[in-house]
Structures are given as C-alpha cells and as structure tokens.
Amino acid sequence: MIIGARYNGPPGSGNGGWSAGTFAAGDPGLRAGRPGAADAAVEVTLRRPPPLETPLTRHGTEVRDPDGQLVAEVRPVPGFRTVVQPVDLATARAAAAGYAGLVDHPFPGCFVCGPERADGLRIFPGPLPDGRTAAPFRVPDDVDAVTVWAALDCPGGWSVIAPGRPYVLGRIAAVVEALPQPGAECVVTGLTAGAEGRKAEVHSSLYAPDGTLLAWARATWIAV
C-alpha cells in the first residue's frame, strides 16, 4: 500500500480519510467497508501521520512502514448507522459559500478540502444554522471506496474545527453501502456528536443527488 503524494492532508502526510480508506481496502480478507457491506464496518486508528510515497504493509491488524514503525491499526467492527440528515443541493451550495477554510485553513493544500488544490476533491463543508456542515461533492470519474472514505472525512472535522484550533483525524469507521455515480453532484453532511478535552466525535454522511444515502462514518478528531 502506498499513499501517493497527491493525496496529502497536512503537509508531508496523507489525508486521514484517504489513508484510512486505503488501509481498510487493503485487506483482501475484509469484506467490510466495501460497497454493499452495510452489516459490517472497518475502523481505522491512525497512530502517526501516514507517510507519503512509502511502501506500507499489513502485519495482522497493524499497518507498518519499512522501518517497522506503527502507522495505523485496522479492525472490523459491527455495522452501525450514524446518519447525519441530508440537505438539498441548493442548501449545500449555500453552506459551502460560507466555508471557513476559504479564508482560514490550517492545511490549505489538503486533497479533500483544501482551497489551494485545484486537482483535489474540493469539498468545502460550510456551516448550517443547526450546527451541521454541508457541501456539494462532484464525484470524480475514478471514484472508488477509498474516494468515499476521503469524502466522509473532512465534513465531519469541519463541524468542530474553530479559528486557531485545528484538528486532525485520529480514528474513523465507515460503511460504504453504494458508490456514487461518476460526475454526479452529491451532498455530504457532517455533525459533532460530542466532545471532551482535545477529542471530538463527529459523524458524516454521503447522499446521491436524489437523496439516497450512500455511505456514512463516525470519527474521532483530535485538537493539535
């Protein structure tokens, strides 16, 4: 498994959602986390920033780098359904116009939500009046389950990120019930479910243009 340099989050390391999705999909013995596996999920805990352009290998439930350092832990978990309610596309577009990361982003080069990345997913989760976030998501032609994990990552995080208080992904579990259609303009929503100290639990959901729920995630973000 290699996290390509294109798929960065913070400078020099992989985007958390993309990396976690890669680790979840990298085990041929795990059906969970792939489309159609709504009865099961995969949980990925990042133990250090995922390195870019580095061969990573699975050792049981552990992902390690060539020096043997622990990068992540992967485990199947029972299926869950932490759904963040949808909004229509017009509402998502209006929310994205207020995306705080357009003017104050801790990692503006992030592949998923960085405004400096013309070649990224360009998911800009803006606030809704009830505390949720929402953003449109134009699905790339090469969409796969890893892309969906990445799309579910930042919308949850931006429900807790505040000016001067950046967070990074620590753990995420996801269920990908179905892939979105290439070229479709979908909607992603996020919500903070609770916070204690430096940790926050966030949820996120991905919806097709017709409002069909495609995937969902729960995650722990950590203030840095």
Protein backbone atom coordinates (compact mmCIF):
# COMPACT_ATOMS: atom_id res chain seq x y z
CA MET A 1 0.00 0.00 0.00
CA ILE A 2 1.28 3.45 -0.93
CA ILE A 3 -0.33 6.82 -0.21
CA GLY A 4 0.53 8.87 -3.27
CA ALA A 5 1.90 12.37 -2.80
CA ARG A 6 -1.24 13.79 -4.40
CA TYR A 7 -3.41 12.55 -1.53
CA ASN A 8 -1.94 14.65 1.26
CA GLY A 9 -3.70 16.22 4.21
CA PRO A 10 -1.30 18.20 6.41
CA PRO A 11 1.94 18.91 4.54
CA GLY A 12 4.05 15.81 4.13
CA SER A 13 1.44 13.28 5.27
CA GLY A 14 -1.60 11.53 3.87
CA ASN A 15 -5.13 12.85 4.16
CA GLY A 16 -6.67 10.95 7.05
CA GLY A 17 -9.76 9.74 5.25
CA TRP A 18 -7.92 8.74 2.08
CA SER A 19 -5.26 6.93 4.11
CA ALA A 20 -7.81 5.14 6.31
CA GLY A 21 -9.80 4.09 3.26
CA THR A 22 -6.66 2.73 1.65
CA PHE A 23 -5.83 0.71 4.77
CA ALA A 24 -9.42 -0.55 5.05
CA ALA A 25 -9.49 -1.64 1.41
CA GLY A 26 -6.03 -3.16 1.57
CA ASP A 27 -7.08 -6.34 3.37
CA PRO A 28 -8.49 -8.91 0.92
CA GLY A 29 -9.97 -10.84 3.84
CA LEU A 30 -12.22 -7.97 4.91
CA ARG A 31 -15.49 -7.50 3.03
CA ALA A 32 -16.43 -4.74 5.45
CA GLY A 33 -16.02 -1.18 4.27
CA ARG A 34 -16.70 -2.09 0.64
CA PRO A 35 -19.90 -1.31 -1.25
CA GLY A 36 -22.81 -3.46 -0.17
CA ALA A 37 -21.39 -4.31 3.26
CA ALA A 38 -23.83 -2.35 5.39
CA ASP A 39 -23.86 -5.13 8.00
CA ALA A 40 -20.23 -4.52 8.88
CA ALA A 41 -17.68 -1.73 9.01
CA VAL A 42 -13.96 -1.19 9.27
CA GLU A 43 -12.42 1.05 11.90
CA VAL A 44 -9.01 2.57 11.29
CA THR A 45 -6.96 4.22 14.04
CA LEU A 46 -4.09 6.40 12.84
CA ARG A 47 -1.12 6.09 15.17
CA ARG A 48 1.10 8.56 13.32
CA PRO A 49 0.74 10.78 10.26
CA PRO A 50 0.58 8.43 7.27
CA PRO A 51 3.75 8.89 5.21
CA LEU A 52 3.54 9.67 1.51
CA GLU A 53 5.13 7.65 -1.30
CA THR A 54 6.21 5.00 1.19
CA PRO A 55 5.50 1.26 0.89
CA LEU A 56 3.31 0.24 3.83
CA THR A 57 2.48 -3.33 4.77
CA ARG A 58 -0.12 -5.10 6.86
CA HIS A 59 1.03 -7.23 9.77
CA GLY A 60 -2.16 -8.70 11.17
CA THR A 61 -4.25 -5.72 12.21
CA GLU A 62 -1.30 -3.33 12.01
CA VAL A 63 -0.02 -1.15 9.18
CA ARG A 64 3.71 -0.52 9.40
CA ASP A 65 6.29 1.42 7.41
CA PRO A 66 9.55 -0.08 6.06
CA ASP A 67 11.29 0.66 9.38
CA GLY A 68 8.63 -1.26 11.30
CA GLN A 69 7.02 1.82 12.81
CA LEU A 70 3.31 1.52 13.52
CA VAL A 71 1.27 3.77 11.23
CA ALA A 72 -2.28 2.52 11.77
CA GLU A 73 -4.44 -0.23 13.23
CA VAL A 74 -7.35 -1.73 11.28
CA ARG A 75 -10.15 -3.83 12.68
CA PRO A 76 -13.63 -4.93 11.62
CA VAL A 77 -16.45 -3.61 13.79
CA PRO A 78 -20.20 -4.30 13.83
CA GLY A 79 -22.25 -2.33 11.38
CA PHE A 80 -23.61 0.99 12.61
CA ARG A 81 -25.77 3.77 11.23
CA THR A 82 -24.76 7.23 12.46
CA VAL A 83 -26.63 9.22 9.85
CA VAL A 84 -26.37 13.00 9.52
CA GLN A 85 -29.58 14.23 7.92
CA PRO A 86 -29.35 15.46 4.33
CA VAL A 87 -30.00 18.83 2.76
CA ASP A 88 -30.81 19.63 -0.84
CA LEU A 89 -28.10 20.65 -3.28
CA ALA A 90 -29.01 24.34 -3.20
CA THR A 91 -28.65 24.40 0.59
CA ALA A 92 -25.32 22.58 0.39
CA ARG A 93 -24.03 25.07 -2.17
CA ALA A 94 -25.09 27.99 0.01
CA ALA A 95 -23.37 26.43 3.04
CA ALA A 96 -20.16 25.87 1.05
CA ALA A 97 -20.06 29.57 0.19
CA GLY A 98 -19.57 30.19 3.91
CA TYR A 99 -16.83 27.58 4.31
CA ALA A 100 -14.39 28.94 6.92
CA GLY A 101 -11.48 27.19 5.24
CA LEU A 102 -11.69 29.58 2.29
CA VAL A 103 -10.17 32.30 4.47
CA ASP A 104 -8.56 30.44 7.40
CA HIS A 105 -7.47 26.87 6.69
CA PRO A 106 -4.85 25.05 8.81
CA PHE A 107 -3.89 22.86 5.82
CA PRO A 108 -4.93 24.71 2.64
CA GLY A 109 -3.24 22.10 0.45
CA CYS A 110 -5.43 19.23 1.73
CA PHE A 111 -6.51 16.95 -1.12
CA VAL A 112 -10.09 16.77 0.16
CA CYS A 113 -10.95 20.23 1.46
CA GLY A 114 -8.01 22.48 0.62
CA PRO A 115 -8.91 25.62 -1.36
CA GLU A 116 -5.44 25.63 -2.91
CA ARG A 117 -5.98 22.23 -4.55
CA ALA A 118 -7.49 22.67 -7.99
CA ASP A 119 -6.86 18.96 -8.53
CA GLY A 120 -8.43 17.86 -5.24
CA LEU A 121 -11.93 16.80 -4.30
CA ARG A 122 -12.76 20.41 -3.37
CA ILE A 123 -15.28 19.54 -0.69
CA PHE A 124 -15.90 22.78 1.23
CA PRO A 125 -18.10 21.99 4.26
CA GLY A 126 -19.83 25.15 5.37
CA PRO A 127 -21.99 25.67 8.46
CA LEU A 128 -25.74 25.19 8.67
CA PRO A 129 -27.81 27.05 11.29
CA ASP A 130 -28.27 23.91 13.40
CA GLY A 131 -24.52 23.17 13.71
CA ARG A 132 -24.25 20.65 10.89
CA THR A 133 -21.99 21.17 7.92
CA ALA A 134 -22.90 20.57 4.30
CA ALA A 135 -21.11 20.65 0.97
CA PRO A 136 -21.65 19.59 -2.61
CA PHE A 137 -19.29 16.91 -3.92
CA ARG A 138 -18.63 16.47 -7.61
CA VAL A 139 -17.74 12.80 -7.94
CA PRO A 140 -14.54 12.10 -9.91
CA ASP A 141 -14.55 9.66 -12.81
CA ASP A 142 -12.26 7.23 -10.97
CA VAL A 143 -14.38 7.06 -7.81
CA ASP A 144 -13.94 4.01 -5.59
CA ALA A 145 -14.49 3.17 -1.91
CA VAL A 146 -11.28 4.98 -0.92
CA THR A 147 -12.63 8.17 -2.52
CA VAL A 148 -15.79 7.82 -0.45
CA TRP A 149 -13.81 7.42 2.77
CA ALA A 150 -11.97 10.63 1.90
CA ALA A 151 -15.22 12.45 1.14
CA LEU A 152 -16.62 11.43 4.53
CA ASP A 153 -13.57 12.69 6.42
CA CYS A 154 -13.38 16.49 6.32
CA PRO A 155 -17.12 17.36 6.51
CA GLY A 156 -17.23 15.88 9.99
CA GLY A 157 -13.99 17.56 11.02
CA TRP A 158 -15.17 20.99 9.95
CA SER A 159 -18.11 20.72 12.32
CA VAL A 160 -15.63 21.03 15.20
CA ILE A 161 -12.66 22.96 13.76
CA ALA A 162 -12.58 26.53 15.05
CA PRO A 163 -10.36 29.52 14.18
CA GLY A 164 -6.96 28.99 15.75
CA ARG A 165 -7.88 25.46 16.90
CA PRO A 166 -7.07 22.93 14.19
CA TYR A 167 -7.99 19.26 14.49
CA VAL A 168 -6.71 16.16 12.73
CA LEU A 169 -8.30 12.77 12.24
CA GLY A 170 -7.45 10.15 14.84
CA ARG A 171 -9.90 7.33 14.13
CA ILE A 172 -12.65 6.65 11.61
CA ALA A 173 -15.09 3.85 10.89
CA ALA A 174 -17.16 3.85 7.73
CA VAL A 175 -19.82 1.93 5.88
CA VAL A 176 -19.95 2.30 2.10
CA GLU A 177 -23.33 0.97 1.04
CA ALA A 178 -23.01 2.05 -2.60
CA LEU A 179 -20.66 4.13 -4.71
CA PRO A 180 -21.84 7.44 -6.16
CA GLN A 181 -22.03 7.79 -9.92
CA PRO A 182 -19.02 9.39 -11.62
CA GLY A 183 -19.75 13.00 -12.47
CA ALA A 184 -22.73 13.26 -10.12
CA GLU A 185 -23.04 16.22 -7.78
CA CYS A 186 -23.69 14.64 -4.39
CA VAL A 187 -24.11 16.15 -0.93
CA VAL A 188 -22.02 15.44 2.16
CA THR A 189 -23.16 16.42 5.66
CA GLY A 190 -21.29 16.47 8.98
CA LEU A 191 -22.08 16.90 12.67
CA THR A 192 -20.28 17.00 16.01
CA ALA A 193 -21.79 14.28 18.20
CA GLY A 194 -19.82 15.12 21.35
CA ALA A 195 -16.54 16.49 22.63
CA GLU A 196 -14.34 16.00 25.66
CA GLY A 197 -10.97 17.65 26.17
CA ARG A 198 -8.98 17.52 22.94
CA LYS A 199 -11.17 14.83 21.37
CA ALA A 200 -14.40 15.21 19.41
CA GLU A 201 -16.66 12.55 17.95
CA VAL A 202 -18.05 13.57 14.59
CA HIS A 203 -20.40 11.90 12.11
CA SER A 204 -20.77 12.34 8.37
CA SER A 205 -22.98 11.04 5.57
CA LEU A 206 -22.87 10.99 1.77
CA TYR A 207 -26.03 11.34 -0.32
CA ALA A 208 -26.73 10.81 -4.01
CA PRO A 209 -28.36 13.67 -5.98
CA ASP A 210 -31.79 12.08 -5.42
CA GLY A 211 -31.24 11.96 -1.64
CA THR A 212 -30.33 8.27 -1.41
CA LEU A 213 -27.95 7.57 1.47
CA LEU A 214 -24.76 6.06 0.05
CA ALA A 215 -22.27 5.97 2.93
CA TRP A 216 -21.72 7.13 6.49
CA ALA A 217 -18.94 7.39 9.06
CA ARG A 218 -18.15 8.12 12.67
CA ALA A 219 -14.78 9.53 13.59
CA THR A 220 -12.65 10.89 16.38
CA TRP A 221 -10.81 14.12 15.68
CA ILE A 222 -8.05 15.42 17.94
CA ALA A 223 -7.12 19.05 18.53
CA VAL A 224 -3.47 19.89 17.83
